[in-house]
Amino acid sequence: MNKKLICAAFAASMILSACGSNNTNDTDSIAPTTKATTEPTTEAATEEIVDVPELEGYTLLWHDEFSGSELDDSIWNMEARQPGWTNNELQEYTQKKENIFTRDGKLVLKAIKTEENGKPYYTSGKVNSHNKTDFMYGKVVARAKVPEGQGLWPAIWMMPQDESFYGQWPKCGEIDIMEVLGSEVKKAYGTVHYGEPHAEQQGTVELDNGTFASDFHEYSVEWEPGEMSWYIDNNLYLTVNDWFTAEKDQDDKPYPAPFNQNFYVQMNLAVGGDWPKNPDETTDFDKAEFLIDYVRVYQKPEYDTNVKKPEKVFREATEDGNFIYNGDFSEAEDLTDDVNWKFLLFEGGDGSAEIKDNTMIITTKEQGTVDYSVQLVQFDQPMYKGKKYRVTFDAWADEERDMIVCVSAPNVDWIRYLPDTLLTLSTEKTTYTYEFEMTKKDDNYGRLEFNMGNKGSTATIYIQNVRLEEIE
């Protein structure tokens, strides 16, 4: 019998989070919901009545149009944190009005640079809806405009109401609706984190025209019991239905854990940290404002919670045992899609790739700032625990230069199955061979990478006859 989760879209009073139990897989349950905010709840919210659009199949659960003169504290908390609290970020999150305020119908999270003890000191804003508007399953829609600048890191994301139920991060799960690096404002990320060991799945959208800092864009995620989907401006770019969580060296918790508990929304503007790196002299803090036009949360009348984890479908090797498709470069394929080979540029890298005469030719104009600034990859390599593998390929360059090869795990915290291996290419065609043993959980999303950025050279590279195969 299909079990249904019935959602009370408008509760008369707050129904507390049911994170301490896992009833959604056992019995018919009422979804934990919150007090509706479709009508003003504070003086700050009474200045303007906004006609919020309906979504077919959904009921509006709560929303904030930020049309009041102050932040609505019936929905949001202003979170205070000291510098370095997470990700080695530089900012202090304050509850000061210069860091968190409303203006012209927008919420403004502003990063400010000052000086303390003769060194730069940064403050910024973060708000969350913890203990106020948490919910389980639904669609979150937010319209926002990000700031541009090295070291700025705006985000809209979700965390569980009871972070300890499945265990501390990443076991508890995390849903990132939107992240943009201020140094790379043409690209936006949507990500889900989970598991032990830490695993993630991520999608990106890169704009052809304009940037996410030059105009407002709408970011949304649809969260169902067995599937999540990410959209930007109503365009789907990522769907995820395979996740897990577990204590170290223990069996996985029953699917769809950890995403079968109440989550809450939070938004912040970070400064510096492991991912965006620190601000520099080009960062204009006069313009360091993350603007949010609205946040709207919708929910369906009911959800089918009788879901099962999809079975892993691993890529099959070609007839000659090669898991690399088009490894002989016999097909001059599209190198911008996600089929077989893909050429990528990051962090200042610039160049091009083409297949000609059974050869992959990579031409570099700018080497960028990181090794993966110029990158050739092939996704979906099946990695089985306990198996041994061999990578072979032929390569050379127009002049002597370095390159890195590896087999990475983009869904498992970017660990390496074949470690990053530096090799020096000569002008003579050379065959390279590397062997490794897979010691982690089975993973059908291994990734063969050739990284050619930030190696002191822009010499053209040539690659032929790429193979990844199981060995006894």
Protein backbone atom coordinates (compact mmCIF):
# COMPACT_ATOMS: atom_id res chain seq x y z
CA MET A 1 0.00 0.00 0.00
CA ASN A 2 1.35 3.44 -0.87
CA LYS A 3 1.87 5.56 2.17
CA LYS A 4 0.93 9.22 1.84
CA LEU A 5 2.17 12.22 3.75
CA ILE A 6 -0.66 14.74 4.04
CA CYS A 7 0.48 18.36 4.24
CA ALA A 8 -1.45 20.94 6.21
CA ALA A 9 -0.52 23.99 4.18
CA PHE A 10 -1.85 26.53 6.64
CA ALA A 11 -1.54 25.55 10.29
CA ALA A 12 -3.17 27.76 12.87
CA SER A 13 -0.09 27.52 15.05
CA MET A 14 3.43 26.21 14.71
CA ILE A 15 3.73 22.43 14.61
CA LEU A 16 7.11 21.55 16.04
CA SER A 17 9.68 19.63 14.05
CA ALA A 18 9.35 15.83 14.13
CA CYS A 19 13.06 15.28 13.60
CA GLY A 20 13.37 12.91 16.53
CA SER A 21 11.46 10.18 14.72
CA ASN A 22 11.34 8.63 11.28
CA ASN A 23 7.60 8.15 11.03
CA THR A 24 7.27 9.19 7.41
CA ASN A 25 8.35 5.72 6.33
CA ASP A 26 6.17 3.88 8.82
CA THR A 27 2.73 5.46 9.00
CA ASP A 28 0.53 8.04 7.35
CA SER A 29 1.73 11.33 8.83
CA ILE A 30 0.88 15.00 8.92
CA ALA A 31 3.72 17.10 7.53
CA PRO A 32 5.37 19.44 10.00
CA THR A 33 4.50 22.94 8.82
CA THR A 34 4.56 26.45 10.17
CA LYS A 35 2.33 29.40 10.72
CA ALA A 36 1.40 30.87 7.34
CA THR A 37 2.80 34.29 6.57
CA THR A 38 0.57 35.14 3.64
CA GLU A 39 -0.86 37.90 5.81
CA PRO A 40 1.25 40.43 7.72
CA THR A 41 2.68 39.13 10.98
CA THR A 42 4.49 42.26 12.17
CA GLU A 43 4.35 45.98 11.67
CA ALA A 44 7.37 45.68 9.39
CA ALA A 45 5.37 43.56 6.96
CA THR A 46 2.34 45.84 6.61
CA GLU A 47 3.64 48.48 4.22
CA GLU A 48 2.81 46.69 1.00
CA ILE A 49 0.52 43.81 0.06
CA VAL A 50 2.09 41.68 -2.68
CA ASP A 51 0.08 39.37 -4.90
CA VAL A 52 2.10 36.15 -4.71
CA PRO A 53 1.62 33.92 -7.77
CA GLU A 54 0.09 30.48 -7.38
CA LEU A 55 1.91 27.36 -8.52
CA GLU A 56 -0.14 24.56 -10.04
CA GLY A 57 -0.32 21.60 -7.67
CA TYR A 58 1.07 23.60 -4.74
CA THR A 59 -0.27 25.70 -1.90
CA LEU A 60 1.69 28.66 -0.55
CA LEU A 61 3.11 27.64 2.82
CA TRP A 62 4.94 30.83 3.78
CA HIS A 63 6.69 33.72 2.09
CA ASP A 64 8.47 37.01 2.62
CA GLU A 65 8.50 39.81 0.03
CA PHE A 66 10.71 42.04 2.22
CA SER A 67 8.35 44.95 1.61
CA GLY A 68 8.44 46.19 5.21
CA SER A 69 10.77 48.71 6.77
CA GLU A 70 12.44 46.03 8.90
CA LEU A 71 13.22 42.32 8.76
CA ASP A 72 10.20 40.22 9.78
CA ASP A 73 11.35 38.53 12.99
CA SER A 74 8.39 36.14 12.96
CA ILE A 75 10.12 34.44 10.01
CA TRP A 76 13.83 35.22 10.34
CA ASN A 77 16.59 35.18 12.91
CA MET A 78 19.67 37.35 12.49
CA GLU A 79 22.53 34.95 13.12
CA ALA A 80 25.69 36.12 14.89
CA ARG A 81 28.94 34.22 14.34
CA GLN A 82 32.60 34.97 14.94
CA PRO A 83 35.18 34.94 12.11
CA GLY A 84 36.47 31.52 11.14
CA TRP A 85 33.38 29.72 12.42
CA THR A 86 33.21 27.59 9.26
CA ASN A 87 35.13 27.12 5.99
CA ASN A 88 37.89 29.45 7.27
CA GLU A 89 35.69 32.41 6.35
CA LEU A 90 36.87 35.89 7.37
CA GLN A 91 33.63 37.66 8.22
CA GLU A 92 31.94 38.20 11.55
CA TYR A 93 28.18 37.74 11.12
CA THR A 94 26.50 40.46 13.14
CA GLN A 95 22.97 41.48 14.05
CA LYS A 96 23.71 45.10 13.18
CA LYS A 97 21.42 47.04 10.87
CA GLU A 98 24.32 48.09 8.65
CA ASN A 99 24.82 44.38 7.78
CA ILE A 100 21.15 43.28 7.61
CA PHE A 101 18.39 45.64 6.48
CA THR A 102 15.54 46.10 4.00
CA ARG A 103 15.58 48.68 1.22
CA ASP A 104 13.17 49.27 -1.68
CA GLY A 105 11.39 45.96 -1.10
CA LYS A 106 14.60 43.94 -0.91
CA LEU A 107 16.50 42.27 1.90
CA VAL A 108 20.10 43.51 1.87
CA LEU A 109 22.93 41.43 3.33
CA LYS A 110 25.95 43.73 3.22
CA ALA A 111 29.62 42.90 3.72
CA ILE A 112 31.67 45.71 5.26
CA LYS A 113 35.45 46.04 5.41
CA THR A 114 36.98 47.88 8.35
CA GLU A 115 40.26 47.61 10.23
CA GLU A 116 41.04 46.05 13.59
CA ASN A 117 44.49 45.89 15.20
CA GLY A 118 46.00 47.17 11.97
CA LYS A 119 44.51 44.37 9.86
CA PRO A 120 41.43 44.17 7.59
CA TYR A 121 38.29 43.14 9.46
CA TYR A 122 35.06 42.08 7.78
CA THR A 123 31.47 42.00 8.98
CA SER A 124 28.46 40.70 7.07
CA GLY A 125 24.89 39.43 7.38
CA LYS A 126 23.23 36.05 7.71
CA VAL A 127 19.57 35.24 8.38
CA ASN A 128 17.87 31.91 9.03
CA SER A 129 14.36 30.63 9.75
CA HIS A 130 15.38 28.06 12.36
CA ASN A 131 12.58 27.24 14.84
CA LYS A 132 10.20 29.53 12.94
CA THR A 133 9.30 28.29 9.45
CA ASP A 134 10.84 24.85 9.09
CA PHE A 135 9.07 22.32 6.86
CA MET A 136 9.43 18.93 5.20
CA TYR A 137 9.07 18.65 1.39
CA GLY A 138 8.03 21.47 -0.87
CA LYS A 139 9.31 24.02 -3.35
CA VAL A 140 11.50 26.95 -2.32
CA VAL A 141 11.62 29.90 -4.71
CA ALA A 142 13.90 32.91 -4.19
CA ARG A 143 14.73 35.85 -6.43
CA ALA A 144 18.08 37.47 -5.82
CA LYS A 145 20.97 39.49 -7.20
CA VAL A 146 24.50 38.68 -6.10
CA PRO A 147 27.48 41.01 -5.58
CA GLU A 148 30.59 40.85 -7.73
CA GLY A 149 34.06 40.82 -6.20
CA GLN A 150 36.91 38.49 -5.37
CA GLY A 151 36.25 36.69 -2.07
CA LEU A 152 32.49 37.38 -1.90
CA TRP A 153 30.31 34.26 -1.51
CA PRO A 154 26.51 34.67 -1.41
CA ALA A 155 24.33 31.63 -0.72
CA ILE A 156 20.73 30.52 -0.22
CA TRP A 157 20.59 27.12 1.43
CA MET A 158 18.82 24.76 3.83
CA MET A 159 19.80 22.79 6.90
CA PRO A 160 17.86 20.34 9.11
CA GLN A 161 15.91 21.66 12.07
CA ASP A 162 17.44 18.93 14.27
CA GLU A 163 20.99 18.72 13.03
CA SER A 164 21.87 15.99 15.53
CA PHE A 165 19.22 13.45 14.54
CA TYR A 166 21.28 11.68 11.85
CA GLY A 167 24.53 13.16 13.15
CA GLN A 168 26.51 16.31 12.59
CA TRP A 169 27.34 17.54 9.10
CA PRO A 170 27.52 15.99 6.57
CA LYS A 171 25.46 13.11 7.96
CA CYS A 172 22.55 15.48 8.65
CA GLY A 173 22.32 16.61 5.01
CA GLU A 174 22.43 20.05 3.39
CA ILE A 175 20.50 21.49 0.43
CA ASP A 176 22.21 24.41 -1.34
CA ILE A 177 19.65 26.22 -3.46
CA MET A 178 22.13 28.73 -4.85
CA GLU A 179 25.79 29.68 -4.49
CA VAL A 180 27.79 32.09 -6.65
CA LEU A 181 31.43 33.09 -6.33
CA GLY A 182 31.91 36.83 -6.60
CA SER A 183 34.98 36.21 -8.75
CA GLU A 184 32.97 34.14 -11.25
CA VAL A 185 29.51 35.71 -11.43
CA LYS A 186 28.49 34.12 -14.73
CA LYS A 187 28.19 30.74 -12.99
CA ALA A 188 25.73 29.56 -10.30
CA TYR A 189 25.81 26.29 -8.35
CA GLY A 190 23.16 24.03 -6.83
CA THR A 191 24.39 21.27 -4.53
CA VAL A 192 23.23 18.60 -2.13
CA HIS A 193 25.56 17.30 0.64
CA TYR A 194 25.08 14.10 2.62
CA GLY A 195 26.66 10.89 3.84
CA GLU A 196 29.58 9.63 5.87
CA PRO A 197 31.99 9.82 4.18
CA HIS A 198 30.97 13.23 2.86
CA ALA A 199 29.36 13.03 -0.55
CA GLU A 200 27.82 15.66 -2.77
CA GLN A 201 26.11 16.13 -6.11
CA GLN A 202 26.28 19.45 -7.88
CA GLY A 203 24.93 21.18 -10.96
CA THR A 204 25.94 24.48 -12.53
CA VAL A 205 24.45 27.08 -14.84
CA GLU A 206 26.70 29.41 -16.82
CA LEU A 207 25.13 32.42 -18.50
CA ASP A 208 25.88 33.28 -22.12
CA ASN A 209 24.76 36.88 -21.64
CA GLY A 210 24.98 39.01 -18.53
CA THR A 211 25.88 37.76 -15.07
CA PHE A 212 24.11 36.80 -11.87
CA ALA A 213 25.42 40.11 -10.49
CA SER A 214 24.05 42.29 -13.30
CA ASP A 215 20.39 41.36 -12.78
CA PHE A 216 17.98 39.47 -10.54
CA HIS A 217 17.42 35.76 -11.21
CA GLU A 218 15.00 33.27 -9.69
CA TYR A 219 16.47 30.22 -7.95
CA SER A 220 14.35 27.28 -6.84
CA VAL A 221 14.49 23.70 -5.62
CA GLU A 222 11.70 21.12 -5.62
CA TRP A 223 12.16 18.73 -2.68
CA GLU A 224 10.19 15.47 -2.82
CA PRO A 225 10.58 12.32 -0.67
CA GLY A 226 12.76 10.57 -3.24
CA GLU A 227 13.94 13.34 -5.57
CA MET A 228 15.21 16.92 -5.65
CA SER A 229 15.32 19.21 -8.69
CA TRP A 230 17.10 22.54 -9.09
CA TYR A 231 16.01 25.40 -11.38
CA ILE A 232 17.25 28.83 -12.38
CA ASP A 233 14.66 31.07 -14.03
CA ASN A 234 12.40 27.98 -14.30
CA ASN A 235 15.03 26.04 -16.27
CA LEU A 236 15.86 22.63 -14.79
CA TYR A 237 19.60 21.98 -14.47
CA LEU A 238 20.02 19.29 -11.80
CA THR A 239 17.99 16.31 -10.58
CA VAL A 240 19.17 14.07 -7.72
CA ASN A 241 17.50 10.92 -6.42
CA ASP A 242 20.39 8.84 -5.09
CA TRP A 243 21.85 9.73 -1.69
CA PHE A 244 22.68 8.10 1.64
CA THR A 245 23.78 8.75 5.19
CA ALA A 246 25.53 6.53 7.69
CA GLU A 247 27.75 6.52 10.74
CA LYS A 248 31.35 5.66 9.92
CA ASP A 249 31.79 1.95 9.06
CA GLN A 250 28.05 1.27 9.63
CA ASP A 251 25.19 0.42 7.26
CA ASP A 252 23.31 3.23 5.55
CA LYS A 253 20.24 4.63 7.28
CA PRO A 254 16.93 3.78 5.56
CA TYR A 255 16.41 5.84 2.39
CA PRO A 256 15.49 8.68 1.95
CA ALA A 257 17.47 9.65 5.08
CA PRO A 258 18.73 12.24 5.81
CA PHE A 259 16.22 14.19 3.70
CA ASN A 260 13.09 12.98 5.49
CA GLN A 261 13.10 15.54 8.28
CA ASN A 262 12.28 19.22 8.65
CA PHE A 263 14.66 21.75 7.11
CA TYR A 264 14.85 25.54 7.36
CA VAL A 265 16.01 28.25 4.96
CA GLN A 266 19.02 30.48 5.49
CA MET A 267 20.79 33.17 3.45
CA ASN A 268 24.17 34.79 3.91
CA LEU A 269 27.01 36.71 2.31
CA ALA A 270 30.35 35.18 3.28
CA VAL A 271 33.74 36.82 2.83
CA GLY A 272 36.73 34.65 1.98
CA GLY A 273 37.00 31.00 2.92
CA ASP A 274 38.31 27.78 1.46
CA TRP A 275 36.34 27.99 -1.78
CA PRO A 276 36.25 31.65 -2.89
CA LYS A 277 39.61 32.58 -1.29
CA ASN A 278 40.25 35.98 0.23
CA PRO A 279 39.28 39.40 -1.10
CA ASP A 280 41.97 41.45 -2.84
CA GLU A 281 42.51 45.05 -3.88
CA THR A 282 39.92 44.69 -6.68
CA THR A 283 37.04 43.88 -4.29
CA ASP A 284 34.73 46.89 -4.00
CA PHE A 285 33.02 46.69 -0.60
CA ASP A 286 30.88 49.73 -1.37
CA LYS A 287 28.98 47.38 -3.72
CA ALA A 288 29.25 44.22 -1.60
CA GLU A 289 25.49 43.72 -1.21
CA PHE A 290 23.49 40.51 -1.62
CA LEU A 291 19.94 41.53 -2.56
CA ILE A 292 16.98 39.16 -2.04
CA ASP A 293 13.68 40.21 -3.60
CA TYR A 294 11.55 37.43 -2.11
CA VAL A 295 11.52 33.94 -0.62
CA ARG A 296 8.42 31.76 -1.19
CA VAL A 297 7.84 28.24 0.04
CA TYR A 298 5.12 26.08 -1.48
CA GLN A 299 3.91 22.59 -0.58
CA LYS A 300 1.77 19.94 -2.28
CA PRO A 301 -1.37 18.65 -0.52
CA GLU A 302 0.25 15.23 -0.09
CA TYR A 303 3.45 13.32 -0.82
CA ASP A 304 4.00 9.63 -1.49
CA THR A 305 6.64 8.60 1.02
CA ASN A 306 6.79 5.00 -0.13
CA VAL A 307 10.03 5.56 -2.06
CA LYS A 308 12.94 3.26 -2.74
CA LYS A 309 16.53 4.13 -3.45
CA PRO A 310 17.33 3.74 -7.16
CA GLU A 311 19.52 0.80 -8.01
CA LYS A 312 22.99 1.76 -9.18
CA VAL A 313 23.40 1.37 -12.93
CA PHE A 314 27.08 1.17 -13.78
CA ARG A 315 28.58 1.98 -17.15
CA GLU A 316 29.50 -1.10 -19.18
CA ALA A 317 32.90 -1.39 -20.78
CA THR A 318 33.29 -1.49 -24.54
CA GLU A 319 33.93 -4.85 -26.23
CA ASP A 320 37.67 -4.49 -25.65
CA GLY A 321 37.21 -3.75 -21.93
CA ASN A 322 37.60 0.04 -22.02
CA PHE A 323 35.37 2.12 -19.73
CA ILE A 324 36.38 5.26 -21.62
CA TYR A 325 33.99 5.95 -24.49
CA ASN A 326 35.54 7.39 -27.64
CA GLY A 327 38.94 6.77 -26.07
CA ASP A 328 40.48 6.44 -29.54
CA PHE A 329 38.98 9.82 -30.55
CA SER A 330 37.47 8.32 -33.67
CA GLU A 331 34.41 10.57 -33.27
CA ALA A 332 34.78 14.36 -33.47
CA GLU A 333 32.19 14.82 -30.73
CA ASP A 334 30.75 17.91 -29.04
CA LEU A 335 33.14 18.75 -26.20
CA THR A 336 30.71 21.09 -24.41
CA ASP A 337 28.02 18.54 -23.48
CA ASP A 338 28.02 15.84 -20.79
CA VAL A 339 28.37 12.93 -23.23
CA ASN A 340 31.76 11.23 -23.24
CA TRP A 341 34.50 13.89 -23.30
CA LYS A 342 34.06 17.40 -21.92
CA PHE A 343 36.45 20.36 -22.02
CA LEU A 344 36.22 22.79 -19.09
CA LEU A 345 37.73 26.13 -18.08
CA PHE A 346 37.88 27.59 -14.56
CA GLU A 347 39.58 30.34 -12.52
CA GLY A 348 41.15 32.37 -15.32
CA GLY A 349 41.80 29.49 -17.69
CA ASP A 350 41.24 30.10 -21.39
CA GLY A 351 41.67 27.79 -24.33
CA SER A 352 39.98 25.32 -26.66
CA ALA A 353 39.93 21.65 -27.53
CA GLU A 354 39.21 19.73 -30.72
CA ILE A 355 39.36 16.15 -31.97
CA LYS A 356 41.29 15.73 -35.21
CA ASP A 357 42.96 12.70 -36.79
CA ASN A 358 42.17 10.47 -33.79
CA THR A 359 43.85 12.99 -31.50
CA MET A 360 42.56 15.28 -28.75
CA ILE A 361 44.27 18.64 -29.19
CA ILE A 362 44.17 21.11 -26.28
CA THR A 363 45.23 24.67 -27.03
CA THR A 364 45.78 26.94 -24.03
CA LYS A 365 45.65 30.75 -24.21
CA GLU A 366 45.66 31.46 -20.46
CA GLN A 367 46.81 28.82 -17.97
CA GLY A 368 44.69 30.19 -15.09
CA THR A 369 45.39 30.07 -11.37
CA VAL A 370 44.67 26.42 -10.47
CA ASP A 371 45.60 23.08 -12.03
CA TYR A 372 42.03 22.49 -13.20
CA SER A 373 41.77 25.90 -14.89
CA VAL A 374 42.20 24.01 -18.18
CA GLN A 375 40.67 20.55 -17.92
CA LEU A 376 39.60 17.58 -20.03
CA VAL A 377 37.34 15.01 -18.31
CA GLN A 378 35.19 11.95 -18.88
CA PHE A 379 32.42 11.28 -16.37
CA ASP A 380 30.62 8.20 -15.02
CA GLN A 381 33.53 5.83 -14.64
CA PRO A 382 32.41 2.73 -12.64
CA MET A 383 34.56 2.19 -9.57
CA TYR A 384 33.99 -1.06 -7.64
CA LYS A 385 35.41 -1.56 -4.16
CA GLY A 386 38.21 -4.13 -4.19
CA LYS A 387 38.83 -3.92 -7.94
CA LYS A 388 42.13 -2.93 -9.55
CA TYR A 389 42.30 -0.58 -12.51
CA ARG A 390 44.76 0.60 -15.12
CA VAL A 391 44.82 3.97 -16.90
CA THR A 392 46.83 4.24 -20.13
CA PHE A 393 47.17 6.96 -22.75
CA ASP A 394 49.61 8.48 -25.23
CA ALA A 395 50.52 12.14 -24.91
CA TRP A 396 53.01 14.80 -26.00
CA ALA A 397 53.26 18.60 -26.33
CA ASP A 398 54.70 21.27 -28.59
CA GLU A 399 57.35 21.87 -25.95
CA GLU A 400 58.22 20.23 -22.63
CA ARG A 401 55.53 20.97 -20.04
CA ASP A 402 53.66 19.46 -17.08
CA MET A 403 50.17 17.95 -16.80
CA ILE A 404 48.25 16.17 -14.03
CA VAL A 405 46.16 13.02 -14.48
CA CYS A 406 43.82 11.54 -11.85
CA VAL A 407 40.56 9.65 -11.29
CA SER A 408 38.44 11.76 -8.97
CA ALA A 409 35.17 11.27 -7.09
CA PRO A 410 33.06 14.43 -7.60
CA ASN A 411 30.20 12.95 -5.55
CA VAL A 412 32.41 11.80 -2.68
CA ASP A 413 34.07 15.01 -1.51
CA TRP A 414 36.40 15.01 -4.53
CA ILE A 415 38.63 12.29 -3.12
CA ARG A 416 41.01 10.63 -5.57
CA TYR A 417 40.87 6.96 -6.58
CA LEU A 418 43.94 7.51 -8.76
CA PRO A 419 45.90 10.24 -6.91
CA ASP A 420 46.83 13.47 -8.68
CA THR A 421 49.85 12.39 -10.70
CA LEU A 422 52.19 14.97 -12.18
CA LEU A 423 53.89 14.03 -15.44
CA THR A 424 56.21 15.99 -17.70
CA LEU A 425 55.30 15.76 -21.36
CA SER A 426 58.02 15.88 -23.98
CA THR A 427 57.76 16.64 -27.67
CA GLU A 428 57.92 12.90 -28.37
CA LYS A 429 54.79 10.75 -28.23
CA THR A 430 54.98 8.72 -25.01
CA THR A 431 52.75 6.04 -23.49
CA TYR A 432 51.83 6.55 -19.82
CA THR A 433 50.48 3.77 -17.58
CA TYR A 434 49.10 4.03 -14.02
CA GLU A 435 47.50 1.36 -11.82
CA PHE A 436 45.44 1.73 -8.65
CA GLU A 437 43.12 -0.23 -6.36
CA MET A 438 39.66 1.03 -5.44
CA THR A 439 39.27 0.86 -1.64
CA LYS A 440 36.13 2.95 -1.08
CA LYS A 441 32.40 2.29 -1.55
CA ASP A 442 31.21 1.40 -5.04
CA ASP A 443 30.86 4.60 -7.05
CA ASN A 444 29.41 4.88 -10.54
CA TYR A 445 30.46 8.54 -10.85
CA GLY A 446 34.25 8.28 -11.02
CA ARG A 447 35.88 10.86 -13.29
CA LEU A 448 39.04 10.65 -15.38
CA GLU A 449 40.73 14.09 -15.44
CA PHE A 450 43.55 15.66 -17.39
CA ASN A 451 44.45 18.95 -15.68
CA MET A 452 46.57 21.39 -17.68
CA GLY A 453 46.18 24.71 -15.85
CA ASN A 454 48.68 26.71 -13.79
CA LYS A 455 51.69 24.67 -14.89
CA GLY A 456 53.93 27.46 -16.19
CA SER A 457 53.21 26.74 -19.84
CA THR A 458 50.55 27.21 -22.49
CA ALA A 459 52.11 24.74 -24.93
CA THR A 460 49.57 22.75 -26.94
CA ILE A 461 48.96 19.19 -25.71
CA TYR A 462 48.06 16.12 -27.77
CA ILE A 463 46.40 12.99 -26.31
CA GLN A 464 45.58 9.64 -27.96
CA ASN A 465 44.40 6.10 -27.09
CA VAL A 466 42.94 6.67 -23.63
CA ARG A 467 41.93 3.58 -21.68
CA LEU A 468 40.54 2.82 -18.22
CA GLU A 469 40.12 -0.92 -17.60
CA GLU A 470 39.81 -3.46 -14.83
CA ILE A 471 42.83 -5.68 -14.25
CA GLU A 472 43.22 -8.91 -12.29
